[in-house]
Amino acid sequence: RTMIDAYARAKRPADAAAALATMRQAGCRPDRVAYTALMKAHVEAGDLDAAEVVLEDLQREADAVAAQTRALLGNAGGEPDAGLVAERAALLRRTSPDSTCWNTLIRGYAKTLKWRAAGKALQRMRDAGCSPDLASYTNVATACLRVGKPGEALARLEELDRAHA
């Protein structure tokens, strides 16, 4: 993960992607931190479409973990082992997109003044069951302000107010 993050800071997404692929080939399951670092590499390089693909890949990974967990627990017969349940729950948490993942994407849209796409990503974040935080709303609001849409920015801040009242 350290290498992926270093490549992200250097705006070298191809190298970051290669490091993630090397992790997989070595039998290591990349977690959301590794995927978020790769998303960051794409965002820093200005390739938001590639960042979207990485987020989709992470969601597929989480979906696969969830399906495997259901199968394991379904085959356990009777009461599942508490240790197995805890282990699978931890794995699912490590592979599910969180606010940092989503905020990386939203920040990318905000930096490129794509305020509508930032707002849509905020809504997709909610739809995915991930609660937006202060950074989520302020990144969208900032994008709106930068393109001269103060009413839209105010609407995002009002959403923040309602969500965290």
N, C-alpha and C. Protein backbone atom coordinates (compact mmCIF):
# COMPACT_ATOMS: atom_id res chain seq x y z
N ARG A 1 0.83 -1.19 0.00
CA ARG A 1 0.00 0.00 0.00
C ARG A 1 0.86 1.25 0.00
N THR A 2 2.00 1.19 0.64
CA THR A 2 2.88 2.35 0.70
C THR A 2 3.36 2.73 -0.70
N MET A 3 3.68 1.73 -1.50
CA MET A 3 4.13 2.01 -2.88
C MET A 3 3.01 2.64 -3.69
N ILE A 4 1.80 2.12 -3.55
CA ILE A 4 0.67 2.67 -4.30
C ILE A 4 0.46 4.12 -3.92
N ASP A 5 0.53 4.42 -2.63
CA ASP A 5 0.36 5.79 -2.17
C ASP A 5 1.48 6.70 -2.69
N ALA A 6 2.70 6.19 -2.69
CA ALA A 6 3.83 6.98 -3.21
C ALA A 6 3.63 7.28 -4.70
N TYR A 7 3.19 6.29 -5.46
CA TYR A 7 2.91 6.53 -6.88
C TYR A 7 1.76 7.51 -7.06
N ALA A 8 0.78 7.46 -6.15
CA ALA A 8 -0.34 8.40 -6.23
C ALA A 8 0.16 9.82 -6.05
N ARG A 9 1.00 10.04 -5.05
CA ARG A 9 1.54 11.38 -4.80
C ARG A 9 2.40 11.86 -5.96
N ALA A 10 3.03 10.93 -6.65
CA ALA A 10 3.88 11.28 -7.80
C ALA A 10 3.08 11.38 -9.10
N LYS A 11 1.75 11.21 -9.01
CA LYS A 11 0.86 11.27 -10.17
C LYS A 11 1.26 10.22 -11.22
N ARG A 12 1.51 9.00 -10.74
CA ARG A 12 1.90 7.88 -11.60
C ARG A 12 0.90 6.75 -11.45
N PRO A 13 -0.32 6.94 -11.99
CA PRO A 13 -1.36 5.93 -11.80
C PRO A 13 -1.04 4.57 -12.42
N ALA A 14 -0.32 4.54 -13.53
CA ALA A 14 0.01 3.25 -14.15
C ALA A 14 0.89 2.42 -13.21
N ASP A 15 1.84 3.08 -12.56
CA ASP A 15 2.70 2.37 -11.61
C ASP A 15 1.92 1.95 -10.37
N ALA A 16 0.99 2.79 -9.93
CA ALA A 16 0.15 2.44 -8.78
C ALA A 16 -0.71 1.22 -9.11
N ALA A 17 -1.27 1.20 -10.32
CA ALA A 17 -2.09 0.06 -10.75
C ALA A 17 -1.24 -1.21 -10.83
N ALA A 18 -0.01 -1.07 -11.32
CA ALA A 18 0.88 -2.23 -11.40
C ALA A 18 1.21 -2.76 -10.00
N ALA A 19 1.39 -1.87 -9.03
CA ALA A 19 1.66 -2.31 -7.66
C ALA A 19 0.46 -3.05 -7.08
N LEU A 20 -0.75 -2.58 -7.38
CA LEU A 20 -1.96 -3.27 -6.91
C LEU A 20 -2.05 -4.65 -7.56
N ALA A 21 -1.75 -4.73 -8.85
CA ALA A 21 -1.78 -6.02 -9.55
C ALA A 21 -0.75 -6.98 -8.96
N THR A 22 0.42 -6.46 -8.60
CA THR A 22 1.46 -7.28 -7.99
C THR A 22 0.99 -7.84 -6.65
N MET A 23 0.26 -7.01 -5.88
CA MET A 23 -0.30 -7.48 -4.62
C MET A 23 -1.20 -8.69 -4.85
N ARG A 24 -2.08 -8.54 -5.86
CA ARG A 24 -3.02 -9.64 -6.17
C ARG A 24 -2.26 -10.90 -6.57
N GLN A 25 -1.26 -10.74 -7.46
CA GLN A 25 -0.50 -11.89 -7.94
C GLN A 25 0.24 -12.59 -6.82
N ALA A 26 0.61 -11.82 -5.79
CA ALA A 26 1.33 -12.40 -4.65
C ALA A 26 0.37 -13.05 -3.65
N GLY A 27 -0.92 -13.03 -3.97
CA GLY A 27 -1.89 -13.66 -3.09
C GLY A 27 -2.42 -12.75 -1.99
N CYS A 28 -2.09 -11.47 -2.06
CA CYS A 28 -2.59 -10.51 -1.07
C CYS A 28 -3.87 -9.88 -1.61
N ARG A 29 -4.89 -9.85 -0.79
CA ARG A 29 -6.15 -9.21 -1.20
C ARG A 29 -6.03 -7.73 -0.87
N PRO A 30 -5.98 -6.87 -1.90
CA PRO A 30 -5.90 -5.43 -1.62
C PRO A 30 -7.15 -4.97 -0.86
N ASP A 31 -6.95 -4.08 0.09
CA ASP A 31 -8.07 -3.56 0.87
C ASP A 31 -8.46 -2.18 0.34
N ARG A 32 -9.42 -1.56 0.99
CA ARG A 32 -9.91 -0.28 0.49
C ARG A 32 -8.84 0.80 0.57
N VAL A 33 -7.89 0.68 1.48
CA VAL A 33 -6.81 1.68 1.56
C VAL A 33 -5.98 1.63 0.28
N ALA A 34 -5.67 0.43 -0.19
CA ALA A 34 -4.90 0.29 -1.43
C ALA A 34 -5.71 0.80 -2.62
N TYR A 35 -6.99 0.45 -2.68
CA TYR A 35 -7.83 0.93 -3.77
C TYR A 35 -7.98 2.45 -3.73
N THR A 36 -8.12 3.01 -2.53
CA THR A 36 -8.27 4.46 -2.41
C THR A 36 -6.99 5.16 -2.87
N ALA A 37 -5.85 4.58 -2.55
CA ALA A 37 -4.58 5.16 -3.01
C ALA A 37 -4.52 5.14 -4.54
N LEU A 38 -4.99 4.06 -5.14
CA LEU A 38 -5.02 4.00 -6.61
C LEU A 38 -6.00 5.02 -7.17
N MET A 39 -7.16 5.16 -6.52
CA MET A 39 -8.11 6.20 -6.95
C MET A 39 -7.46 7.57 -6.88
N LYS A 40 -6.74 7.81 -5.79
CA LYS A 40 -6.05 9.10 -5.61
C LYS A 40 -5.05 9.33 -6.74
N ALA A 41 -4.33 8.28 -7.15
CA ALA A 41 -3.37 8.41 -8.25
C ALA A 41 -4.08 8.87 -9.52
N HIS A 42 -5.22 8.26 -9.81
CA HIS A 42 -5.97 8.65 -11.00
C HIS A 42 -6.53 10.07 -10.88
N VAL A 43 -7.03 10.41 -9.69
CA VAL A 43 -7.56 11.76 -9.47
C VAL A 43 -6.45 12.79 -9.66
N GLU A 44 -5.30 12.53 -9.05
CA GLU A 44 -4.18 13.47 -9.16
C GLU A 44 -3.72 13.63 -10.60
N ALA A 45 -3.86 12.57 -11.38
CA ALA A 45 -3.48 12.63 -12.80
C ALA A 45 -4.62 13.20 -13.66
N GLY A 46 -5.76 13.48 -13.05
CA GLY A 46 -6.89 14.06 -13.77
C GLY A 46 -7.75 13.06 -14.52
N ASP A 47 -7.60 11.77 -14.23
CA ASP A 47 -8.36 10.73 -14.93
C ASP A 47 -9.48 10.21 -14.01
N LEU A 48 -10.58 10.94 -13.98
CA LEU A 48 -11.68 10.60 -13.09
C LEU A 48 -12.43 9.36 -13.56
N ASP A 49 -12.44 9.10 -14.86
CA ASP A 49 -13.08 7.88 -15.35
C ASP A 49 -12.36 6.65 -14.79
N ALA A 50 -11.03 6.71 -14.76
CA ALA A 50 -10.27 5.58 -14.21
C ALA A 50 -10.51 5.47 -12.70
N ALA A 51 -10.64 6.58 -12.01
CA ALA A 51 -10.94 6.55 -10.58
C ALA A 51 -12.30 5.89 -10.34
N GLU A 52 -13.27 6.19 -11.20
CA GLU A 52 -14.59 5.56 -11.10
C GLU A 52 -14.48 4.04 -11.26
N VAL A 53 -13.66 3.60 -12.20
CA VAL A 53 -13.48 2.16 -12.44
C VAL A 53 -12.87 1.49 -11.20
N VAL A 54 -11.92 2.16 -10.56
CA VAL A 54 -11.30 1.60 -9.36
C VAL A 54 -12.34 1.48 -8.25
N LEU A 55 -13.20 2.50 -8.10
CA LEU A 55 -14.27 2.42 -7.10
C LEU A 55 -15.21 1.25 -7.40
N GLU A 56 -15.53 1.06 -8.67
CA GLU A 56 -16.38 -0.07 -9.07
C GLU A 56 -15.70 -1.40 -8.76
N ASP A 57 -14.38 -1.48 -9.02
CA ASP A 57 -13.63 -2.70 -8.71
C ASP A 57 -13.67 -3.00 -7.21
N LEU A 58 -13.51 -1.96 -6.40
CA LEU A 58 -13.56 -2.15 -4.95
C LEU A 58 -14.95 -2.63 -4.52
N GLN A 59 -15.99 -2.06 -5.11
CA GLN A 59 -17.34 -2.49 -4.75
C GLN A 59 -17.57 -3.94 -5.16
N ARG A 60 -17.04 -4.33 -6.32
CA ARG A 60 -17.15 -5.75 -6.74
C ARG A 60 -16.42 -6.66 -5.76
N GLU A 61 -15.27 -6.21 -5.29
CA GLU A 61 -14.51 -6.98 -4.29
C GLU A 61 -15.34 -7.15 -3.02
N ALA A 62 -15.96 -6.08 -2.56
CA ALA A 62 -16.81 -6.15 -1.36
C ALA A 62 -18.01 -7.07 -1.60
N ASP A 63 -18.60 -6.99 -2.79
CA ASP A 63 -19.73 -7.86 -3.11
C ASP A 63 -19.30 -9.32 -3.11
N ALA A 64 -18.10 -9.61 -3.63
CA ALA A 64 -17.59 -10.98 -3.64
C ALA A 64 -17.36 -11.49 -2.23
N VAL A 65 -16.80 -10.64 -1.38
CA VAL A 65 -16.58 -11.03 0.02
C VAL A 65 -17.91 -11.32 0.69
N ALA A 66 -18.91 -10.47 0.44
CA ALA A 66 -20.24 -10.67 1.04
C ALA A 66 -20.84 -11.99 0.56
N ALA A 67 -20.72 -12.29 -0.73
CA ALA A 67 -21.27 -13.54 -1.27
C ALA A 67 -20.54 -14.75 -0.68
N GLN A 68 -19.22 -14.67 -0.59
CA GLN A 68 -18.45 -15.77 0.00
C GLN A 68 -18.84 -15.98 1.46
N THR A 69 -19.06 -14.87 2.16
CA THR A 69 -19.44 -14.94 3.57
C THR A 69 -20.80 -15.62 3.72
N ARG A 70 -21.76 -15.22 2.89
CA ARG A 70 -23.08 -15.85 2.94
C ARG A 70 -22.96 -17.34 2.68
N ALA A 71 -22.14 -17.72 1.69
CA ALA A 71 -21.98 -19.14 1.37
C ALA A 71 -21.32 -19.89 2.53
N LEU A 72 -20.28 -19.32 3.11
CA LEU A 72 -19.60 -19.97 4.23
C LEU A 72 -20.54 -20.14 5.42
N LEU A 73 -21.28 -19.11 5.73
CA LEU A 73 -22.17 -19.18 6.88
C LEU A 73 -23.36 -20.09 6.60
N GLY A 74 -23.80 -20.12 5.35
CA GLY A 74 -24.90 -21.00 4.98
C GLY A 74 -24.50 -22.46 5.05
N ASN A 75 -23.24 -22.75 4.74
CA ASN A 75 -22.75 -24.12 4.77
C ASN A 75 -22.31 -24.57 6.16
N ALA A 76 -22.28 -23.63 7.09
CA ALA A 76 -21.78 -23.96 8.43
C ALA A 76 -22.70 -24.94 9.15
N GLY A 77 -23.98 -24.91 8.82
CA GLY A 77 -24.92 -25.82 9.49
C GLY A 77 -25.03 -25.48 10.97
N GLY A 78 -26.19 -25.17 11.39
CA GLY A 78 -26.37 -24.80 12.80
C GLY A 78 -25.86 -23.40 13.07
N GLU A 79 -25.39 -23.21 14.26
CA GLU A 79 -24.90 -21.89 14.69
C GLU A 79 -23.49 -21.68 14.14
N PRO A 80 -23.27 -20.59 13.37
CA PRO A 80 -21.92 -20.36 12.82
C PRO A 80 -20.92 -20.01 13.92
N ASP A 81 -19.69 -20.36 13.67
CA ASP A 81 -18.59 -20.07 14.58
C ASP A 81 -18.43 -18.57 14.74
N ALA A 82 -18.41 -18.09 15.96
CA ALA A 82 -18.31 -16.65 16.23
C ALA A 82 -17.01 -16.08 15.67
N GLY A 83 -15.95 -16.83 15.71
CA GLY A 83 -14.67 -16.37 15.17
C GLY A 83 -14.74 -16.16 13.67
N LEU A 84 -15.40 -17.08 12.98
CA LEU A 84 -15.56 -16.96 11.53
C LEU A 84 -16.41 -15.74 11.19
N VAL A 85 -17.47 -15.54 11.93
CA VAL A 85 -18.34 -14.39 11.69
C VAL A 85 -17.55 -13.09 11.87
N ALA A 86 -16.78 -13.02 12.94
CA ALA A 86 -15.99 -11.81 13.22
C ALA A 86 -14.94 -11.59 12.13
N GLU A 87 -14.29 -12.67 11.71
CA GLU A 87 -13.26 -12.57 10.68
C GLU A 87 -13.86 -12.07 9.35
N ARG A 88 -15.00 -12.63 8.97
CA ARG A 88 -15.63 -12.23 7.71
C ARG A 88 -16.16 -10.79 7.79
N ALA A 89 -16.67 -10.41 8.95
CA ALA A 89 -17.16 -9.03 9.13
C ALA A 89 -16.00 -8.04 8.98
N ALA A 90 -14.86 -8.38 9.56
CA ALA A 90 -13.68 -7.51 9.45
C ALA A 90 -13.22 -7.42 8.00
N LEU A 91 -13.21 -8.54 7.30
CA LEU A 91 -12.81 -8.54 5.89
C LEU A 91 -13.76 -7.69 5.06
N LEU A 92 -15.05 -7.79 5.32
CA LEU A 92 -16.02 -6.98 4.59
C LEU A 92 -15.80 -5.50 4.86
N ARG A 93 -15.51 -5.14 6.10
CA ARG A 93 -15.23 -3.72 6.41
C ARG A 93 -13.99 -3.23 5.67
N ARG A 94 -12.96 -4.09 5.56
CA ARG A 94 -11.72 -3.69 4.89
C ARG A 94 -11.87 -3.57 3.38
N THR A 95 -12.91 -4.19 2.82
CA THR A 95 -13.07 -4.16 1.36
C THR A 95 -14.24 -3.30 0.89
N SER A 96 -15.01 -2.75 1.81
CA SER A 96 -16.16 -1.93 1.41
C SER A 96 -15.75 -0.47 1.27
N PRO A 97 -16.20 0.18 0.20
CA PRO A 97 -15.89 1.61 0.05
C PRO A 97 -16.40 2.42 1.25
N ASP A 98 -15.57 3.30 1.76
CA ASP A 98 -15.95 4.14 2.88
C ASP A 98 -15.95 5.61 2.45
N SER A 99 -16.14 6.50 3.40
CA SER A 99 -16.21 7.92 3.06
C SER A 99 -14.91 8.43 2.45
N THR A 100 -13.78 7.88 2.84
CA THR A 100 -12.50 8.31 2.26
C THR A 100 -12.45 7.98 0.78
N CYS A 101 -12.92 6.80 0.40
CA CYS A 101 -12.96 6.41 -1.02
C CYS A 101 -13.84 7.38 -1.80
N TRP A 102 -15.06 7.56 -1.30
CA TRP A 102 -16.00 8.43 -2.00
C TRP A 102 -15.49 9.87 -2.03
N ASN A 103 -14.92 10.35 -0.93
CA ASN A 103 -14.43 11.73 -0.90
C ASN A 103 -13.26 11.94 -1.86
N THR A 104 -12.48 10.91 -2.09
CA THR A 104 -11.40 11.01 -3.07
C THR A 104 -11.98 11.31 -4.45
N LEU A 105 -13.03 10.59 -4.79
CA LEU A 105 -13.70 10.81 -6.08
C LEU A 105 -14.38 12.18 -6.13
N ILE A 106 -15.12 12.51 -5.08
CA ILE A 106 -15.81 13.80 -5.04
C ILE A 106 -14.81 14.95 -5.13
N ARG A 107 -13.70 14.85 -4.41
CA ARG A 107 -12.66 15.89 -4.47
C ARG A 107 -12.12 16.03 -5.90
N GLY A 108 -11.97 14.90 -6.58
CA GLY A 108 -11.50 14.97 -7.97
C GLY A 108 -12.46 15.73 -8.85
N TYR A 109 -13.75 15.46 -8.69
CA TYR A 109 -14.74 16.20 -9.48
C TYR A 109 -14.74 17.68 -9.09
N ALA A 110 -14.57 17.95 -7.81
CA ALA A 110 -14.55 19.35 -7.35
C ALA A 110 -13.34 20.08 -7.93
N LYS A 111 -12.18 19.42 -7.93
CA LYS A 111 -10.96 20.05 -8.45
C LYS A 111 -11.09 20.38 -9.94
N THR A 112 -11.85 19.58 -10.67
CA THR A 112 -12.01 19.79 -12.11
C THR A 112 -13.28 20.58 -12.43
N LEU A 113 -13.89 21.14 -11.37
CA LEU A 113 -15.08 21.99 -11.50
C LEU A 113 -16.29 21.27 -12.08
N LYS A 114 -16.33 19.96 -11.94
CA LYS A 114 -17.47 19.17 -12.40
C LYS A 114 -18.45 19.05 -11.23
N TRP A 115 -19.12 20.16 -10.93
CA TRP A 115 -19.97 20.23 -9.75
C TRP A 115 -21.15 19.28 -9.82
N ARG A 116 -21.70 19.10 -11.02
CA ARG A 116 -22.83 18.16 -11.14
C ARG A 116 -22.38 16.73 -10.85
N ALA A 117 -21.23 16.35 -11.41
CA ALA A 117 -20.69 15.00 -11.16
C ALA A 117 -20.35 14.82 -9.69
N ALA A 118 -19.84 15.87 -9.05
CA ALA A 118 -19.55 15.81 -7.61
C ALA A 118 -20.84 15.57 -6.83
N GLY A 119 -21.89 16.29 -7.19
CA GLY A 119 -23.19 16.11 -6.53
C GLY A 119 -23.77 14.72 -6.75
N LYS A 120 -23.61 14.22 -7.97
CA LYS A 120 -24.10 12.87 -8.25
C LYS A 120 -23.31 11.82 -7.47
N ALA A 121 -22.00 12.04 -7.34
CA ALA A 121 -21.18 11.10 -6.55
C ALA A 121 -21.61 11.14 -5.09
N LEU A 122 -21.95 12.32 -4.59
CA LEU A 122 -22.46 12.44 -3.22
C LEU A 122 -23.74 11.62 -3.05
N GLN A 123 -24.63 11.71 -4.03
CA GLN A 123 -25.88 10.94 -3.96
C GLN A 123 -25.60 9.44 -4.08
N ARG A 124 -24.70 9.05 -4.97
CA ARG A 124 -24.34 7.63 -5.10
C ARG A 124 -23.74 7.10 -3.80
N MET A 125 -22.98 7.95 -3.13
CA MET A 125 -22.39 7.59 -1.84
C MET A 125 -23.50 7.25 -0.85
N ARG A 126 -24.50 8.12 -0.78
CA ARG A 126 -25.65 7.87 0.10
C ARG A 126 -26.36 6.59 -0.30
N ASP A 127 -26.61 6.44 -1.61
CA ASP A 127 -27.33 5.26 -2.11
C ASP A 127 -26.59 3.97 -1.79
N ALA A 128 -25.26 4.05 -1.72
CA ALA A 128 -24.45 2.87 -1.41
C ALA A 128 -24.43 2.56 0.08
N GLY A 129 -25.09 3.41 0.87
CA GLY A 129 -25.14 3.17 2.31
C GLY A 129 -23.98 3.75 3.08
N CYS A 130 -23.23 4.63 2.45
CA CYS A 130 -22.09 5.27 3.10
C CYS A 130 -22.50 6.70 3.46
N SER A 131 -22.41 7.03 4.71
CA SER A 131 -22.83 8.35 5.17
C SER A 131 -21.81 9.42 4.77
N PRO A 132 -22.26 10.44 4.03
CA PRO A 132 -21.35 11.55 3.71
C PRO A 132 -20.94 12.27 4.99
N ASP A 133 -19.74 12.81 4.99
CA ASP A 133 -19.26 13.56 6.13
C ASP A 133 -19.03 15.02 5.73
N LEU A 134 -18.44 15.78 6.60
CA LEU A 134 -18.21 17.20 6.34
C LEU A 134 -17.43 17.41 5.04
N ALA A 135 -16.39 16.62 4.83
CA ALA A 135 -15.58 16.76 3.61
C ALA A 135 -16.41 16.50 2.36
N SER A 136 -17.31 15.54 2.43
CA SER A 136 -18.15 15.21 1.27
C SER A 136 -18.95 16.43 0.83
N TYR A 137 -19.65 17.01 1.78
CA TYR A 137 -20.51 18.16 1.47
C TYR A 137 -19.70 19.40 1.09
N THR A 138 -18.62 19.66 1.81
CA THR A 138 -17.86 20.88 1.51
C THR A 138 -17.14 20.79 0.18
N ASN A 139 -16.70 19.60 -0.22
CA ASN A 139 -16.08 19.48 -1.54
C ASN A 139 -17.08 19.78 -2.65
N VAL A 140 -18.31 19.29 -2.50
CA VAL A 140 -19.35 19.58 -3.50
C VAL A 140 -19.69 21.06 -3.46
N ALA A 141 -19.86 21.62 -2.27
CA ALA A 141 -20.20 23.04 -2.15
C ALA A 141 -19.09 23.92 -2.74
N THR A 142 -17.86 23.57 -2.51
CA THR A 142 -16.73 24.34 -3.05
C THR A 142 -16.74 24.30 -4.57
N ALA A 143 -17.01 23.14 -5.14
CA ALA A 143 -17.09 23.04 -6.61
C ALA A 143 -18.20 23.95 -7.13
N CYS A 144 -19.33 23.96 -6.45
CA CYS A 144 -20.44 24.82 -6.86
C CYS A 144 -20.05 26.29 -6.81
N LEU A 145 -19.39 26.69 -5.75
CA LEU A 145 -18.98 28.08 -5.62
C LEU A 145 -17.98 28.48 -6.71
N ARG A 146 -17.06 27.58 -7.01
CA ARG A 146 -16.03 27.89 -8.01
C ARG A 146 -16.60 28.09 -9.41
N VAL A 147 -17.78 27.51 -9.67
CA VAL A 147 -18.39 27.69 -11.00
C VAL A 147 -19.55 28.70 -10.94
N GLY A 148 -19.63 29.44 -9.84
CA GLY A 148 -20.62 30.50 -9.75
C GLY A 148 -22.04 30.00 -9.46
N LYS A 149 -22.16 28.94 -8.68
CA LYS A 149 -23.46 28.38 -8.32
C LYS A 149 -23.66 28.45 -6.80
N PRO A 150 -23.77 29.67 -6.25
CA PRO A 150 -23.88 29.78 -4.79
C PRO A 150 -25.15 29.13 -4.24
N GLY A 151 -26.23 29.13 -5.00
CA GLY A 151 -27.46 28.48 -4.54
C GLY A 151 -27.27 26.99 -4.37
N GLU A 152 -26.56 26.37 -5.31
CA GLU A 152 -26.27 24.93 -5.21
C GLU A 152 -25.36 24.67 -4.02
N ALA A 153 -24.37 25.54 -3.81
CA ALA A 153 -23.46 25.37 -2.67
C ALA A 153 -24.25 25.45 -1.36
N LEU A 154 -25.13 26.42 -1.27
CA LEU A 154 -25.95 26.58 -0.07
C LEU A 154 -26.83 25.34 0.15
N ALA A 155 -27.38 24.80 -0.93
CA ALA A 155 -28.21 23.59 -0.81
C ALA A 155 -27.41 22.43 -0.23
N ARG A 156 -26.15 22.27 -0.66
CA ARG A 156 -25.32 21.18 -0.12
C ARG A 156 -25.04 21.40 1.36
N LEU A 157 -24.80 22.65 1.74
CA LEU A 157 -24.53 22.94 3.15
C LEU A 157 -25.79 22.75 4.00
N GLU A 158 -26.95 23.03 3.43
CA GLU A 158 -28.20 22.77 4.14
C GLU A 158 -28.42 21.27 4.30
N GLU A 159 -28.04 20.48 3.28
CA GLU A 159 -28.11 19.02 3.39
C GLU A 159 -27.22 18.54 4.55
N LEU A 160 -26.03 19.12 4.62
CA LEU A 160 -25.11 18.78 5.70
C LEU A 160 -25.75 19.08 7.06
N ASP A 161 -26.34 20.25 7.15
CA ASP A 161 -27.01 20.66 8.39
C ASP A 161 -28.09 19.68 8.79
N ARG A 162 -28.93 19.29 7.82
CA ARG A 162 -30.02 18.35 8.09
C ARG A 162 -29.47 16.96 8.48
N ALA A 163 -28.45 16.53 7.77
CA ALA A 163 -27.90 15.19 8.01
C ALA A 163 -27.22 15.07 9.37
N HIS A 164 -26.67 16.16 9.85
CA HIS A 164 -25.90 16.09 11.09
C HIS A 164 -26.50 16.97 12.18
N ALA A 165 -27.81 17.20 12.09
CA ALA A 165 -28.48 18.03 13.11
C ALA A 165 -28.66 17.27 14.40
